[in-house]
Amino acid sequence: SFTFSASVVVNLVLKLPFDELTVTTRNYITLKAARIFQDRIIGANDLHGYQKQDEEEARRLFLDEVDTEKYNIFHGPMRYDLQRDLF
């Protein structure tokens, strides 16, 4: 095993089920996926602008929610599941 002489900073990414994400997060993911699909498969340039605007608005709302809620390990939707799994 390794011995660390200083604190280690970690960015933990959890794979959450889609239906457990917040509404704004699901909306952003859905709109981004739809735009990417449309760009790669359908390729209609006139639709790209509308979808890009919708995606940017959804991203802004998503980031506003993240900044407002300040989710972390002690406060957030996965808190109780983490405690149950770890202890």
PDB file of N, CA and C in Angstrom:
ATOM      1  N   SER A   1       0.833  -1.183   0.000  1.00  0.00           N
ATOM      2  CA  SER A   1       0.000   0.000   0.000  1.00  0.00           C
ATOM      3  C   SER A   1       0.876   1.244   0.000  1.00  0.00           C
ATOM      4  N   PHE A   2       0.257   2.364  -0.336  1.00  0.00           N
ATOM      5  CA  PHE A   2       0.976   3.631  -0.404  1.00  0.00           C
ATOM      6  C   PHE A   2       0.737   4.443   0.857  1.00  0.00           C
ATOM      7  N   THR A   3       1.729   5.186   1.276  1.00  0.00           N
ATOM      8  CA  THR A   3       1.599   6.106   2.395  1.00  0.00           C
ATOM      9  C   THR A   3       1.731   7.522   1.852  1.00  0.00           C
ATOM     10  N   PHE A   4       0.718   8.341   2.115  1.00  0.00           N
ATOM     11  CA  PHE A   4       0.714   9.714   1.628  1.00  0.00           C
ATOM     12  C   PHE A   4       1.090  10.646   2.768  1.00  0.00           C
ATOM     13  N   SER A   5       2.009  11.543   2.514  1.00  0.00           N
ATOM     14  CA  SER A   5       2.442  12.479   3.550  1.00  0.00           C
ATOM     15  C   SER A   5       1.586  13.743   3.588  1.00  0.00           C
ATOM     16  N   ALA A   6       0.765  13.948   2.579  1.00  0.00           N
ATOM     17  CA  ALA A   6      -0.101  15.130   2.520  1.00  0.00           C
ATOM     18  C   ALA A   6      -1.513  14.693   2.154  1.00  0.00           C
ATOM     19  N   SER A   7      -2.443  15.605   2.317  1.00  0.00           N
ATOM     20  CA  SER A   7      -3.828  15.322   1.946  1.00  0.00           C
ATOM     21  C   SER A   7      -3.933  15.079   0.449  1.00  0.00           C
ATOM     22  N   VAL A   8      -4.850  14.226   0.078  1.00  0.00           N
ATOM     23  CA  VAL A   8      -5.079  13.911  -1.321  1.00  0.00           C
ATOM     24  C   VAL A   8      -6.441  14.465  -1.716  1.00  0.00           C
ATOM     25  N   VAL A   9      -6.477  15.244  -2.777  1.00  0.00           N
ATOM     26  CA  VAL A   9      -7.721  15.805  -3.283  1.00  0.00           C
ATOM     27  C   VAL A   9      -8.234  14.886  -4.381  1.00  0.00           C
ATOM     28  N   VAL A  10      -9.515  14.534  -4.290  1.00  0.00           N
ATOM     29  CA  VAL A  10     -10.103  13.586  -5.227  1.00  0.00           C
ATOM     30  C   VAL A  10     -11.373  14.174  -5.817  1.00  0.00           C
ATOM     31  N   ASN A  11     -11.567  14.016  -7.109  1.00  0.00           N
ATOM     32  CA  ASN A  11     -12.839  14.312  -7.753  1.00  0.00           C
ATOM     33  C   ASN A  11     -13.548  12.991  -7.963  1.00  0.00           C
ATOM     34  N   LEU A  12     -14.599  12.739  -7.203  1.00  0.00           N
ATOM     35  CA  LEU A  12     -15.334  11.489  -7.260  1.00  0.00           C
ATOM     36  C   LEU A  12     -16.518  11.639  -8.197  1.00  0.00           C
ATOM     37  N   VAL A  13     -16.614  10.766  -9.166  1.00  0.00           N
ATOM     38  CA  VAL A  13     -17.726  10.774 -10.103  1.00  0.00           C
ATOM     39  C   VAL A  13     -18.519   9.501  -9.888  1.00  0.00           C
ATOM     40  N   LEU A  14     -19.792   9.669  -9.553  1.00  0.00           N
ATOM     41  CA  LEU A  14     -20.662   8.520  -9.344  1.00  0.00           C
ATOM     42  C   LEU A  14     -21.532   8.311 -10.568  1.00  0.00           C
ATOM     43  N   LYS A  15     -21.767   7.084 -10.898  1.00  0.00           N
ATOM     44  CA  LYS A  15     -22.653   6.758 -12.009  1.00  0.00           C
ATOM     45  C   LYS A  15     -24.061   6.626 -11.432  1.00  0.00           C
ATOM     46  N   LEU A  16     -24.847   7.684 -11.594  1.00  0.00           N
ATOM     47  CA  LEU A  16     -26.195   7.715 -11.040  1.00  0.00           C
ATOM     48  C   LEU A  16     -27.200   7.224 -12.076  1.00  0.00           C
ATOM     49  N   PRO A  17     -28.229   6.528 -11.637  1.00  0.00           N
ATOM     50  CA  PRO A  17     -29.303   6.164 -12.563  1.00  0.00           C
ATOM     51  C   PRO A  17     -29.977   7.432 -13.098  1.00  0.00           C
ATOM     52  N   PHE A  18     -30.356   7.428 -14.360  1.00  0.00           N
ATOM     53  CA  PHE A  18     -30.932   8.606 -15.006  1.00  0.00           C
ATOM     54  C   PHE A  18     -32.152   9.116 -14.255  1.00  0.00           C
ATOM     55  N   ASP A  19     -33.014   8.213 -13.795  1.00  0.00           N
ATOM     56  CA  ASP A  19     -34.246   8.648 -13.128  1.00  0.00           C
ATOM     57  C   ASP A  19     -34.003   9.220 -11.734  1.00  0.00           C
ATOM     58  N   GLU A  20     -32.792   9.122 -11.201  1.00  0.00           N
ATOM     59  CA  GLU A  20     -32.475   9.726  -9.910  1.00  0.00           C
ATOM     60  C   GLU A  20     -31.817  11.094 -10.051  1.00  0.00           C
ATOM     61  N   LEU A  21     -31.557  11.525 -11.277  1.00  0.00           N
ATOM     62  CA  LEU A  21     -30.990  12.848 -11.507  1.00  0.00           C
ATOM     63  C   LEU A  21     -32.080  13.901 -11.360  1.00  0.00           C
ATOM     64  N   THR A  22     -31.674  15.146 -11.138  1.00  0.00           N
ATOM     65  CA  THR A  22     -32.654  16.222 -11.041  1.00  0.00           C
ATOM     66  C   THR A  22     -33.285  16.463 -12.406  1.00  0.00           C
ATOM     67  N   VAL A  23     -34.423  17.120 -12.413  1.00  0.00           N
ATOM     68  CA  VAL A  23     -35.142  17.383 -13.659  1.00  0.00           C
ATOM     69  C   VAL A  23     -34.297  18.235 -14.604  1.00  0.00           C
ATOM     70  N   THR A  24     -33.642  19.259 -14.077  1.00  0.00           N
ATOM     71  CA  THR A  24     -32.825  20.111 -14.945  1.00  0.00           C
ATOM     72  C   THR A  24     -31.639  19.347 -15.532  1.00  0.00           C
ATOM     73  N   THR A  25     -31.081  18.427 -14.784  1.00  0.00           N
ATOM     74  CA  THR A  25     -29.973  17.612 -15.288  1.00  0.00           C
ATOM     75  C   THR A  25     -30.454  16.690 -16.399  1.00  0.00           C
ATOM     76  N   ARG A  26     -31.581  16.020 -16.181  1.00  0.00           N
ATOM     77  CA  ARG A  26     -32.136  15.132 -17.217  1.00  0.00           C
ATOM     78  C   ARG A  26     -32.496  15.914 -18.473  1.00  0.00           C
ATOM     79  N   ASN A  27     -33.053  17.102 -18.290  1.00  0.00           N
ATOM     80  CA  ASN A  27     -33.434  17.926 -19.430  1.00  0.00           C
ATOM     81  C   ASN A  27     -32.205  18.312 -20.253  1.00  0.00           C
ATOM     82  N   TYR A  28     -31.145  18.728 -19.592  1.00  0.00           N
ATOM     83  CA  TYR A  28     -29.914  19.106 -20.297  1.00  0.00           C
ATOM     84  C   TYR A  28     -29.316  17.913 -21.044  1.00  0.00           C
ATOM     85  N   ILE A  29     -29.236  16.776 -20.386  1.00  0.00           N
ATOM     86  CA  ILE A  29     -28.676  15.579 -21.021  1.00  0.00           C
ATOM     87  C   ILE A  29     -29.498  15.183 -22.243  1.00  0.00           C
ATOM     88  N   THR A  30     -30.815  15.214 -22.107  1.00  0.00           N
ATOM     89  CA  THR A  30     -31.706  14.827 -23.206  1.00  0.00           C
ATOM     90  C   THR A  30     -31.569  15.771 -24.394  1.00  0.00           C
ATOM     91  N   LEU A  31     -31.571  17.078 -24.126  1.00  0.00           N
ATOM     92  CA  LEU A  31     -31.458  18.043 -25.222  1.00  0.00           C
ATOM     93  C   LEU A  31     -30.099  17.971 -25.913  1.00  0.00           C
ATOM     94  N   LYS A  32     -29.045  17.767 -25.141  1.00  0.00           N
ATOM     95  CA  LYS A  32     -27.713  17.655 -25.748  1.00  0.00           C
ATOM     96  C   LYS A  32     -27.622  16.401 -26.612  1.00  0.00           C
ATOM     97  N   ALA A  33     -28.132  15.284 -26.103  1.00  0.00           N
ATOM     98  CA  ALA A  33     -28.110  14.035 -26.877  1.00  0.00           C
ATOM     99  C   ALA A  33     -28.938  14.173 -28.153  1.00  0.00           C
ATOM    100  N   ALA A  34     -30.089  14.846 -28.058  1.00  0.00           N
ATOM    101  CA  ALA A  34     -30.941  15.034 -29.236  1.00  0.00           C
ATOM    102  C   ALA A  34     -30.235  15.891 -30.286  1.00  0.00           C
ATOM    103  N   ARG A  35     -29.552  16.949 -29.855  1.00  0.00           N
ATOM    104  CA  ARG A  35     -28.834  17.803 -30.802  1.00  0.00           C
ATOM    105  C   ARG A  35     -27.693  17.046 -31.475  1.00  0.00           C
ATOM    106  N   ILE A  36     -26.944  16.284 -30.696  1.00  0.00           N
ATOM    107  CA  ILE A  36     -25.833  15.510 -31.273  1.00  0.00           C
ATOM    108  C   ILE A  36     -26.366  14.486 -32.272  1.00  0.00           C
ATOM    109  N   PHE A  37     -27.454  13.802 -31.925  1.00  0.00           N
ATOM    110  CA  PHE A  37     -28.066  12.835 -32.839  1.00  0.00           C
ATOM    111  C   PHE A  37     -28.510  13.531 -34.122  1.00  0.00           C
ATOM    112  N   GLN A  38     -29.179  14.670 -33.978  1.00  0.00           N
ATOM    113  CA  GLN A  38     -29.661  15.406 -35.139  1.00  0.00           C
ATOM    114  C   GLN A  38     -28.504  15.850 -36.019  1.00  0.00           C
ATOM    115  N   ASP A  39     -27.434  16.342 -35.416  1.00  0.00           N
ATOM    116  CA  ASP A  39     -26.276  16.795 -36.198  1.00  0.00           C
ATOM    117  C   ASP A  39     -25.608  15.646 -36.948  1.00  0.00           C
ATOM    118  N   ARG A  40     -25.482  14.508 -36.295  1.00  0.00           N
ATOM    119  CA  ARG A  40     -24.730  13.388 -36.890  1.00  0.00           C
ATOM    120  C   ARG A  40     -25.567  12.519 -37.823  1.00  0.00           C
ATOM    121  N   ILE A  41     -26.834  12.347 -37.515  1.00  0.00           N
ATOM    122  CA  ILE A  41     -27.659  11.415 -38.291  1.00  0.00           C
ATOM    123  C   ILE A  41     -28.557  12.138 -39.292  1.00  0.00           C
ATOM    124  N   ILE A  42     -29.311  13.125 -38.823  1.00  0.00           N
ATOM    125  CA  ILE A  42     -30.280  13.791 -39.691  1.00  0.00           C
ATOM    126  C   ILE A  42     -29.614  14.891 -40.507  1.00  0.00           C
ATOM    127  N   GLY A  43     -28.836  15.742 -39.839  1.00  0.00           N
ATOM    128  CA  GLY A  43     -28.047  16.755 -40.527  1.00  0.00           C
ATOM    129  C   GLY A  43     -28.808  17.943 -41.077  1.00  0.00           C
ATOM    130  N   ALA A  44     -29.961  18.269 -40.515  1.00  0.00           N
ATOM    131  CA  ALA A  44     -30.719  19.434 -40.972  1.00  0.00           C
ATOM    132  C   ALA A  44     -30.156  20.690 -40.310  1.00  0.00           C
ATOM    133  N   ASN A  45     -29.527  21.545 -41.111  1.00  0.00           N
ATOM    134  CA  ASN A  45     -28.871  22.737 -40.569  1.00  0.00           C
ATOM    135  C   ASN A  45     -29.846  23.715 -39.928  1.00  0.00           C
ATOM    136  N   ASP A  46     -31.064  23.820 -40.461  1.00  0.00           N
ATOM    137  CA  ASP A  46     -32.019  24.765 -39.888  1.00  0.00           C
ATOM    138  C   ASP A  46     -32.472  24.346 -38.485  1.00  0.00           C
ATOM    139  N   LEU A  47     -32.470  23.059 -38.187  1.00  0.00           N
ATOM    140  CA  LEU A  47     -32.847  22.593 -36.851  1.00  0.00           C
ATOM    141  C   LEU A  47     -31.728  22.798 -35.837  1.00  0.00           C
ATOM    142  N   HIS A  48     -30.490  22.811 -36.306  1.00  0.00           N
ATOM    143  CA  HIS A  48     -29.342  22.920 -35.406  1.00  0.00           C
ATOM    144  C   HIS A  48     -29.417  24.178 -34.540  1.00  0.00           C
ATOM    145  N   GLY A  49     -29.749  25.308 -35.125  1.00  0.00           N
ATOM    146  CA  GLY A  49     -29.801  26.570 -34.389  1.00  0.00           C
ATOM    147  C   GLY A  49     -30.825  26.549 -33.271  1.00  0.00           C
ATOM    148  N   TYR A  50     -32.009  26.013 -33.564  1.00  0.00           N
ATOM    149  CA  TYR A  50     -33.056  25.942 -32.538  1.00  0.00           C
ATOM    150  C   TYR A  50     -32.642  24.999 -31.409  1.00  0.00           C
ATOM    151  N   GLN A  51     -32.112  23.855 -31.780  1.00  0.00           N
ATOM    152  CA  GLN A  51     -31.708  22.889 -30.757  1.00  0.00           C
ATOM    153  C   GLN A  51     -30.539  23.406 -29.936  1.00  0.00           C
ATOM    154  N   LYS A  52     -29.628  24.128 -30.564  1.00  0.00           N
ATOM    155  CA  LYS A  52     -28.483  24.687 -29.844  1.00  0.00           C
ATOM    156  C   LYS A  52     -28.957  25.717 -28.822  1.00  0.00           C
ATOM    157  N   GLN A  53     -29.939  26.534 -29.183  1.00  0.00           N
ATOM    158  CA  GLN A  53     -30.497  27.514 -28.240  1.00  0.00           C
ATOM    159  C   GLN A  53     -31.151  26.811 -27.057  1.00  0.00           C
ATOM    160  N   ASP A  54     -31.938  25.786 -27.339  1.00  0.00           N
ATOM    161  CA  ASP A  54     -32.587  25.028 -26.263  1.00  0.00           C
ATOM    162  C   ASP A  54     -31.555  24.375 -25.354  1.00  0.00           C
ATOM    163  N   GLU A  55     -30.513  23.814 -25.959  1.00  0.00           N
ATOM    164  CA  GLU A  55     -29.463  23.163 -25.168  1.00  0.00           C
ATOM    165  C   GLU A  55     -28.732  24.176 -24.287  1.00  0.00           C
ATOM    166  N   GLU A  56     -28.420  25.348 -24.829  1.00  0.00           N
ATOM    167  CA  GLU A  56     -27.722  26.370 -24.046  1.00  0.00           C
ATOM    168  C   GLU A  56     -28.572  26.849 -22.872  1.00  0.00           C
ATOM    169  N   GLU A  57     -29.867  27.011 -23.085  1.00  0.00           N
ATOM    170  CA  GLU A  57     -30.763  27.405 -21.992  1.00  0.00           C
ATOM    171  C   GLU A  57     -30.833  26.311 -20.930  1.00  0.00           C
ATOM    172  N   ALA A  58     -30.921  25.064 -21.351  1.00  0.00           N
ATOM    173  CA  ALA A  58     -30.958  23.946 -20.398  1.00  0.00           C
ATOM    174  C   ALA A  58     -29.647  23.864 -19.623  1.00  0.00           C
ATOM    175  N   ARG A  59     -28.532  24.105 -20.283  1.00  0.00           N
ATOM    176  CA  ARG A  59     -27.226  24.088 -19.598  1.00  0.00           C
ATOM    177  C   ARG A  59     -27.137  25.213 -18.574  1.00  0.00           C
ATOM    178  N   ARG A  60     -27.639  26.394 -18.936  1.00  0.00           N
ATOM    179  CA  ARG A  60     -27.630  27.517 -18.000  1.00  0.00           C
ATOM    180  C   ARG A  60     -28.455  27.196 -16.759  1.00  0.00           C
ATOM    181  N   LEU A  61     -29.642  26.617 -16.952  1.00  0.00           N
ATOM    182  CA  LEU A  61     -30.482  26.235 -15.816  1.00  0.00           C
ATOM    183  C   LEU A  61     -29.814  25.154 -14.972  1.00  0.00           C
ATOM    184  N   PHE A  62     -29.173  24.191 -15.638  1.00  0.00           N
ATOM    185  CA  PHE A  62     -28.453  23.131 -14.933  1.00  0.00           C
ATOM    186  C   PHE A  62     -27.335  23.709 -14.069  1.00  0.00           C
ATOM    187  N   LEU A  63     -26.522  24.593 -14.646  1.00  0.00           N
ATOM    188  CA  LEU A  63     -25.415  25.192 -13.891  1.00  0.00           C
ATOM    189  C   LEU A  63     -25.916  26.088 -12.763  1.00  0.00           C
ATOM    190  N   ASP A  64     -27.028  26.796 -12.992  1.00  0.00           N
ATOM    191  CA  ASP A  64     -27.627  27.599 -11.919  1.00  0.00           C
ATOM    192  C   ASP A  64     -28.041  26.716 -10.756  1.00  0.00           C
ATOM    193  N   GLU A  65     -28.639  25.568 -11.066  1.00  0.00           N
ATOM    194  CA  GLU A  65     -29.063  24.653 -10.010  1.00  0.00           C
ATOM    195  C   GLU A  65     -27.860  24.099  -9.246  1.00  0.00           C
ATOM    196  N   VAL A  66     -26.815  23.741  -9.960  1.00  0.00           N
ATOM    197  CA  VAL A  66     -25.609  23.218  -9.308  1.00  0.00           C
ATOM    198  C   VAL A  66     -25.015  24.272  -8.380  1.00  0.00           C
ATOM    199  N   ASP A  67     -24.942  25.518  -8.841  1.00  0.00           N
ATOM    200  CA  ASP A  67     -24.391  26.596  -8.008  1.00  0.00           C
ATOM    201  C   ASP A  67     -25.270  26.887  -6.800  1.00  0.00           C
ATOM    202  N   THR A  68     -26.579  26.808  -6.977  1.00  0.00           N
ATOM    203  CA  THR A  68     -27.513  27.126  -5.901  1.00  0.00           C
ATOM    204  C   THR A  68     -27.573  26.034  -4.854  1.00  0.00           C
ATOM    205  N   GLU A  69     -27.637  24.784  -5.292  1.00  0.00           N
ATOM    206  CA  GLU A  69     -27.834  23.667  -4.365  1.00  0.00           C
ATOM    207  C   GLU A  69     -26.571  23.262  -3.626  1.00  0.00           C
ATOM    208  N   LYS A  70     -25.407  23.479  -4.203  1.00  0.00           N
ATOM    209  CA  LYS A  70     -24.136  23.110  -3.567  1.00  0.00           C
ATOM    210  C   LYS A  70     -24.136  21.648  -3.121  1.00  0.00           C
ATOM    211  N   TYR A  71     -24.438  20.751  -4.038  1.00  0.00           N
ATOM    212  CA  TYR A  71     -24.448  19.328  -3.721  1.00  0.00           C
ATOM    213  C   TYR A  71     -23.064  18.865  -3.289  1.00  0.00           C
ATOM    214  N   ASN A  72     -23.028  18.030  -2.288  1.00  0.00           N
ATOM    215  CA  ASN A  72     -21.779  17.423  -1.848  1.00  0.00           C
ATOM    216  C   ASN A  72     -22.096  16.099  -1.169  1.00  0.00           C
ATOM    217  N   ILE A  73     -21.111  15.461  -0.605  1.00  0.00           N
ATOM    218  CA  ILE A  73     -21.315  14.136  -0.011  1.00  0.00           C
ATOM    219  C   ILE A  73     -22.228  14.184   1.214  1.00  0.00           C
ATOM    220  N   PHE A  74     -22.293  15.351   1.878  1.00  0.00           N
ATOM    221  CA  PHE A  74     -23.098  15.464   3.088  1.00  0.00           C
ATOM    222  C   PHE A  74     -24.510  15.963   2.819  1.00  0.00           C
ATOM    223  N   HIS A  75     -24.722  16.530   1.638  1.00  0.00           N
ATOM    224  CA  HIS A  75     -26.034  17.076   1.292  1.00  0.00           C
ATOM    225  C   HIS A  75     -26.286  16.813  -0.187  1.00  0.00           C
ATOM    226  N   GLY A  76     -27.203  15.956  -0.481  1.00  0.00           N
ATOM    227  CA  GLY A  76     -27.493  15.681  -1.878  1.00  0.00           C
ATOM    228  C   GLY A  76     -28.286  14.402  -2.018  1.00  0.00           C
ATOM    229  N   PRO A  77     -28.715  14.098  -3.228  1.00  0.00           N
ATOM    230  CA  PRO A  77     -29.590  12.949  -3.450  1.00  0.00           C
ATOM    231  C   PRO A  77     -28.962  11.604  -3.134  1.00  0.00           C
ATOM    232  N   MET A  78     -27.631  11.503  -3.170  1.00  0.00           N
ATOM    233  CA  MET A  78     -26.986  10.211  -2.936  1.00  0.00           C
ATOM    234  C   MET A  78     -26.481  10.036  -1.505  1.00  0.00           C
ATOM    235  N   ARG A  79     -26.714  11.002  -0.645  1.00  0.00           N
ATOM    236  CA  ARG A  79     -26.152  10.969   0.706  1.00  0.00           C
ATOM    237  C   ARG A  79     -26.508   9.693   1.452  1.00  0.00           C
ATOM    238  N   TYR A  80     -27.770   9.347   1.480  1.00  0.00           N
ATOM    239  CA  TYR A  80     -28.203   8.201   2.273  1.00  0.00           C
ATOM    240  C   TYR A  80     -27.743   6.878   1.665  1.00  0.00           C
ATOM    241  N   ASP A  81     -27.716   6.797   0.347  1.00  0.00           N
ATOM    242  CA  ASP A  81     -27.226   5.580  -0.294  1.00  0.00           C
ATOM    243  C   ASP A  81     -25.741   5.383  -0.014  1.00  0.00           C
ATOM    244  N   LEU A  82     -24.973   6.474  -0.042  1.00  0.00           N
ATOM    245  CA  LEU A  82     -23.548   6.371   0.251  1.00  0.00           C
ATOM    246  C   LEU A  82     -23.315   5.908   1.680  1.00  0.00           C
ATOM    247  N   GLN A  83     -24.063   6.472   2.613  1.00  0.00           N
ATOM    248  CA  GLN A  83     -23.902   6.079   4.006  1.00  0.00           C
ATOM    249  C   GLN A  83     -24.253   4.609   4.184  1.00  0.00           C
ATOM    250  N   ARG A  84     -25.312   4.171   3.547  1.00  0.00           N
ATOM    251  CA  ARG A  84     -25.736   2.785   3.669  1.00  0.00           C
ATOM    252  C   ARG A  84     -24.687   1.842   3.087  1.00  0.00           C
ATOM    253  N   ASP A  85     -24.111   2.219   1.931  1.00  0.00           N
ATOM    254  CA  ASP A  85     -23.132   1.355   1.280  1.00  0.00           C
ATOM    255  C   ASP A  85     -21.788   1.338   1.999  1.00  0.00           C
ATOM    256  N   LEU A  86     -21.412   2.456   2.596  1.00  0.00           N
ATOM    257  CA  LEU A  86     -20.095   2.552   3.211  1.00  0.00           C
ATOM    258  C   LEU A  86     -20.037   1.987   4.618  1.00  0.00           C
ATOM    259  N   PHE A  87     -21.144   2.019   5.335  1.00  0.00           N
ATOM    260  CA  PHE A  87     -21.087   1.616   6.743  1.00  0.00           C
ATOM    261  C   PHE A  87     -21.810   0.325   6.995  1.00  0.00           C
TER     262      PHE A  87
END
